[in-house]
Amino acid sequence: MDLVESFSYETFRDRAGETFAVPAAGIDLVLASAVDKGEGVRGGGAFSLYFRGPQDPMLLQAIHELKHDELGEFGLFLVPVERTADGFEYEAAFS
């Protein structure tokens, strides 16, 4: 089973504030929150992850390889959802 397919809301619910590196872009994202959306089509349920990143560079909507100390390396489809005074917010949605 693919690592991302094994992810569930429980994988991330207590990880707010943790850093996820995006090596190709040379930046770190910080997990702002994990939001449970209930049952989904996939086994891990439906949930969204919201990450905060810096002003530069802005990551385009695409699959980005992330690296986390405990979870390892994996690709997530990130969508920029908001520009703030501090940077950008991104969402990864699991349904």
N, C-alpha and C. Protein backbone atom coordinates (compact mmCIF):
# COMPACT_ATOMS: atom_id res chain seq x y z
N MET A 1 0.85 -1.19 0.00
CA MET A 1 0.00 0.00 0.00
C MET A 1 0.89 1.24 0.00
N ASP A 2 0.51 2.20 -0.80
CA ASP A 2 1.19 3.48 -0.87
C ASP A 2 1.07 4.19 0.47
N LEU A 3 2.14 4.89 0.89
CA LEU A 3 2.14 5.59 2.17
C LEU A 3 0.97 6.57 2.26
N VAL A 4 0.74 7.35 1.21
CA VAL A 4 -0.33 8.36 1.23
C VAL A 4 -1.70 7.69 1.38
N GLU A 5 -1.88 6.53 0.76
CA GLU A 5 -3.15 5.82 0.88
C GLU A 5 -3.43 5.38 2.31
N SER A 6 -2.38 5.20 3.10
CA SER A 6 -2.55 4.78 4.49
C SER A 6 -2.86 5.95 5.42
N PHE A 7 -2.72 7.18 4.95
CA PHE A 7 -2.96 8.35 5.79
C PHE A 7 -4.43 8.46 6.16
N SER A 8 -4.67 8.89 7.38
CA SER A 8 -6.02 9.18 7.86
C SER A 8 -5.96 10.47 8.68
N TYR A 9 -7.09 10.94 9.07
CA TYR A 9 -7.15 12.13 9.93
C TYR A 9 -6.30 11.91 11.18
N GLU A 10 -6.38 10.71 11.74
CA GLU A 10 -5.63 10.39 12.96
C GLU A 10 -4.12 10.52 12.76
N THR A 11 -3.63 10.30 11.53
CA THR A 11 -2.21 10.45 11.24
C THR A 11 -1.74 11.87 11.52
N PHE A 12 -2.61 12.85 11.32
CA PHE A 12 -2.21 14.26 11.37
C PHE A 12 -2.84 15.08 12.48
N ARG A 13 -3.87 14.57 13.15
CA ARG A 13 -4.64 15.42 14.07
C ARG A 13 -3.81 16.04 15.19
N ASP A 14 -2.74 15.39 15.62
CA ASP A 14 -1.90 15.92 16.70
C ASP A 14 -0.58 16.48 16.18
N ARG A 15 -0.49 16.76 14.90
CA ARG A 15 0.77 17.22 14.31
C ARG A 15 0.79 18.71 13.95
N ALA A 16 -0.21 19.46 14.37
CA ALA A 16 -0.22 20.91 14.10
C ALA A 16 1.05 21.52 14.67
N GLY A 17 1.67 22.38 13.89
CA GLY A 17 2.91 23.03 14.29
C GLY A 17 4.16 22.30 13.83
N GLU A 18 4.00 21.09 13.30
CA GLU A 18 5.15 20.32 12.83
C GLU A 18 5.56 20.77 11.43
N THR A 19 6.85 20.60 11.13
CA THR A 19 7.43 21.04 9.88
C THR A 19 7.49 19.92 8.86
N PHE A 20 7.15 20.28 7.62
CA PHE A 20 7.22 19.38 6.48
C PHE A 20 8.08 20.09 5.43
N ALA A 21 9.23 19.52 5.13
CA ALA A 21 10.13 20.13 4.15
C ALA A 21 9.63 19.87 2.75
N VAL A 22 9.86 20.85 1.88
CA VAL A 22 9.60 20.70 0.44
C VAL A 22 10.97 20.89 -0.22
N PRO A 23 11.77 19.82 -0.29
CA PRO A 23 13.16 19.94 -0.74
C PRO A 23 13.33 20.58 -2.12
N ALA A 24 12.47 20.25 -3.07
CA ALA A 24 12.62 20.78 -4.42
C ALA A 24 12.47 22.31 -4.46
N ALA A 25 11.67 22.86 -3.55
CA ALA A 25 11.46 24.30 -3.50
C ALA A 25 12.38 24.98 -2.49
N GLY A 26 13.05 24.18 -1.67
CA GLY A 26 13.94 24.74 -0.66
C GLY A 26 13.23 25.45 0.47
N ILE A 27 12.00 25.03 0.78
CA ILE A 27 11.23 25.68 1.84
C ILE A 27 10.65 24.63 2.79
N ASP A 28 10.18 25.12 3.91
CA ASP A 28 9.45 24.30 4.87
C ASP A 28 8.01 24.79 4.94
N LEU A 29 7.09 23.85 5.08
CA LEU A 29 5.71 24.16 5.38
C LEU A 29 5.43 23.73 6.80
N VAL A 30 4.55 24.44 7.47
CA VAL A 30 4.14 24.08 8.83
C VAL A 30 2.67 23.67 8.77
N LEU A 31 2.37 22.51 9.35
CA LEU A 31 0.98 22.07 9.38
C LEU A 31 0.21 22.97 10.34
N ALA A 32 -0.75 23.72 9.80
CA ALA A 32 -1.56 24.62 10.61
C ALA A 32 -2.69 23.86 11.28
N SER A 33 -3.34 22.95 10.52
CA SER A 33 -4.44 22.18 11.09
C SER A 33 -4.80 21.00 10.20
N ALA A 34 -5.45 20.05 10.83
CA ALA A 34 -6.05 18.91 10.14
C ALA A 34 -7.53 18.95 10.48
N VAL A 35 -8.39 18.89 9.46
CA VAL A 35 -9.83 19.02 9.65
C VAL A 35 -10.52 17.75 9.19
N ASP A 36 -11.20 17.09 10.12
CA ASP A 36 -11.93 15.86 9.81
C ASP A 36 -13.20 16.21 9.05
N LYS A 37 -13.42 15.56 7.91
CA LYS A 37 -14.60 15.81 7.08
C LYS A 37 -15.55 14.61 7.08
N GLY A 38 -15.31 13.66 7.99
CA GLY A 38 -16.20 12.51 8.09
C GLY A 38 -15.80 11.38 7.16
N GLU A 39 -16.77 10.56 6.84
CA GLU A 39 -16.51 9.42 5.96
C GLU A 39 -16.24 9.90 4.55
N GLY A 40 -15.35 9.19 3.90
CA GLY A 40 -15.05 9.50 2.51
C GLY A 40 -15.10 8.24 1.69
N VAL A 41 -14.71 8.35 0.46
CA VAL A 41 -14.70 7.20 -0.43
C VAL A 41 -13.54 6.27 -0.08
N ARG A 42 -12.45 6.84 0.38
CA ARG A 42 -11.26 6.07 0.70
C ARG A 42 -11.34 5.51 2.12
N GLY A 43 -10.54 4.52 2.39
CA GLY A 43 -10.54 3.87 3.69
C GLY A 43 -10.16 4.77 4.85
N GLY A 44 -9.32 5.78 4.62
CA GLY A 44 -8.86 6.65 5.69
C GLY A 44 -9.80 7.79 6.01
N GLY A 45 -10.96 7.83 5.37
CA GLY A 45 -11.92 8.90 5.62
C GLY A 45 -11.57 10.16 4.85
N ALA A 46 -12.41 11.15 4.99
CA ALA A 46 -12.22 12.44 4.32
C ALA A 46 -11.67 13.44 5.33
N PHE A 47 -10.64 14.16 4.93
CA PHE A 47 -10.06 15.19 5.79
C PHE A 47 -9.24 16.13 4.92
N SER A 48 -8.95 17.29 5.47
CA SER A 48 -8.10 18.26 4.80
C SER A 48 -6.96 18.65 5.71
N LEU A 49 -5.81 18.88 5.10
CA LEU A 49 -4.64 19.38 5.81
C LEU A 49 -4.38 20.80 5.33
N TYR A 50 -4.11 21.71 6.25
CA TYR A 50 -3.80 23.09 5.91
C TYR A 50 -2.39 23.40 6.37
N PHE A 51 -1.57 23.85 5.42
CA PHE A 51 -0.17 24.16 5.68
C PHE A 51 0.06 25.64 5.48
N ARG A 52 1.01 26.19 6.25
CA ARG A 52 1.45 27.57 6.06
C ARG A 52 2.86 27.54 5.48
N GLY A 53 3.08 28.40 4.48
CA GLY A 53 4.40 28.50 3.86
C GLY A 53 4.82 29.95 3.73
N PRO A 54 6.05 30.17 3.31
CA PRO A 54 6.57 31.55 3.19
C PRO A 54 6.00 32.29 1.99
N GLN A 55 6.30 33.59 1.91
CA GLN A 55 5.87 34.43 0.80
C GLN A 55 6.52 34.01 -0.52
N ASP A 56 7.74 33.54 -0.43
CA ASP A 56 8.49 33.22 -1.64
C ASP A 56 9.27 31.93 -1.44
N PRO A 57 9.14 30.98 -2.31
CA PRO A 57 8.29 30.99 -3.49
C PRO A 57 6.88 30.52 -3.14
N MET A 58 5.92 30.92 -3.97
CA MET A 58 4.58 30.37 -3.86
C MET A 58 4.58 29.04 -4.61
N LEU A 59 4.10 28.00 -3.98
CA LEU A 59 4.01 26.71 -4.65
C LEU A 59 2.77 26.70 -5.55
N LEU A 60 2.94 26.25 -6.76
CA LEU A 60 1.81 26.13 -7.67
C LEU A 60 1.00 24.89 -7.33
N GLN A 61 -0.25 24.89 -7.75
CA GLN A 61 -1.12 23.73 -7.56
C GLN A 61 -0.50 22.54 -8.29
N ALA A 62 -0.07 21.55 -7.53
CA ALA A 62 0.61 20.39 -8.12
C ALA A 62 0.92 19.38 -7.01
N ILE A 63 1.42 18.24 -7.41
CA ILE A 63 1.92 17.28 -6.43
C ILE A 63 3.32 17.71 -6.05
N HIS A 64 3.54 17.89 -4.76
CA HIS A 64 4.84 18.28 -4.23
C HIS A 64 5.33 17.19 -3.30
N GLU A 65 6.61 16.88 -3.41
CA GLU A 65 7.23 15.90 -2.51
C GLU A 65 7.52 16.57 -1.18
N LEU A 66 6.99 15.99 -0.11
CA LEU A 66 7.22 16.50 1.23
C LEU A 66 8.06 15.50 2.00
N LYS A 67 8.78 16.01 2.99
CA LYS A 67 9.61 15.16 3.84
C LYS A 67 9.34 15.53 5.29
N HIS A 68 9.03 14.51 6.08
CA HIS A 68 8.74 14.70 7.51
C HIS A 68 9.60 13.72 8.29
N ASP A 69 10.12 14.16 9.44
CA ASP A 69 11.04 13.34 10.22
C ASP A 69 10.47 11.97 10.60
N GLU A 70 9.20 11.90 10.94
CA GLU A 70 8.60 10.63 11.35
C GLU A 70 7.83 9.92 10.24
N LEU A 71 7.15 10.69 9.40
CA LEU A 71 6.31 10.09 8.36
C LEU A 71 7.10 9.71 7.11
N GLY A 72 8.26 10.29 6.91
CA GLY A 72 9.08 9.98 5.75
C GLY A 72 8.79 10.91 4.58
N GLU A 73 9.03 10.41 3.36
CA GLU A 73 8.85 11.20 2.14
C GLU A 73 7.62 10.72 1.38
N PHE A 74 6.85 11.70 0.90
CA PHE A 74 5.62 11.36 0.18
C PHE A 74 5.18 12.57 -0.64
N GLY A 75 4.38 12.32 -1.66
CA GLY A 75 3.85 13.38 -2.50
C GLY A 75 2.43 13.74 -2.11
N LEU A 76 2.14 15.03 -2.02
CA LEU A 76 0.78 15.51 -1.75
C LEU A 76 0.40 16.54 -2.81
N PHE A 77 -0.86 16.48 -3.23
CA PHE A 77 -1.39 17.48 -4.14
C PHE A 77 -1.77 18.69 -3.30
N LEU A 78 -1.00 19.76 -3.44
CA LEU A 78 -1.23 20.98 -2.67
C LEU A 78 -1.86 22.04 -3.55
N VAL A 79 -2.83 22.74 -2.97
CA VAL A 79 -3.52 23.83 -3.65
C VAL A 79 -3.35 25.09 -2.82
N PRO A 80 -2.80 26.16 -3.40
CA PRO A 80 -2.74 27.42 -2.65
C PRO A 80 -4.16 27.95 -2.47
N VAL A 81 -4.53 28.25 -1.22
CA VAL A 81 -5.91 28.69 -0.95
C VAL A 81 -6.00 30.12 -0.42
N GLU A 82 -4.88 30.63 0.09
CA GLU A 82 -4.95 31.99 0.64
C GLU A 82 -3.56 32.58 0.75
N ARG A 83 -3.47 33.86 0.43
CA ARG A 83 -2.24 34.61 0.67
C ARG A 83 -2.46 35.44 1.91
N THR A 84 -1.56 35.36 2.85
CA THR A 84 -1.66 36.11 4.09
C THR A 84 -0.49 37.09 4.17
N ALA A 85 -0.46 37.89 5.21
CA ALA A 85 0.65 38.82 5.41
C ALA A 85 1.97 38.08 5.60
N ASP A 86 1.89 36.85 6.11
CA ASP A 86 3.10 36.08 6.39
C ASP A 86 3.52 35.14 5.27
N GLY A 87 2.61 34.83 4.35
CA GLY A 87 2.95 33.88 3.30
C GLY A 87 1.71 33.31 2.64
N PHE A 88 1.77 32.02 2.37
CA PHE A 88 0.66 31.35 1.69
C PHE A 88 0.14 30.20 2.53
N GLU A 89 -1.16 29.92 2.38
CA GLU A 89 -1.77 28.74 3.00
C GLU A 89 -2.11 27.79 1.87
N TYR A 90 -1.85 26.50 2.12
CA TYR A 90 -2.09 25.44 1.15
C TYR A 90 -3.00 24.39 1.75
N GLU A 91 -3.80 23.75 0.90
CA GLU A 91 -4.67 22.67 1.34
C GLU A 91 -4.32 21.40 0.58
N ALA A 92 -4.31 20.29 1.32
CA ALA A 92 -4.26 18.95 0.73
C ALA A 92 -5.53 18.26 1.18
N ALA A 93 -6.39 17.89 0.23
CA ALA A 93 -7.68 17.30 0.56
C ALA A 93 -7.66 15.80 0.28
N PHE A 94 -8.21 15.04 1.21
CA PHE A 94 -8.34 13.59 1.08
C PHE A 94 -9.82 13.28 1.13
N SER A 95 -10.33 12.59 0.14
CA SER A 95 -11.75 12.27 0.13
C SER A 95 -11.95 10.80 -0.08
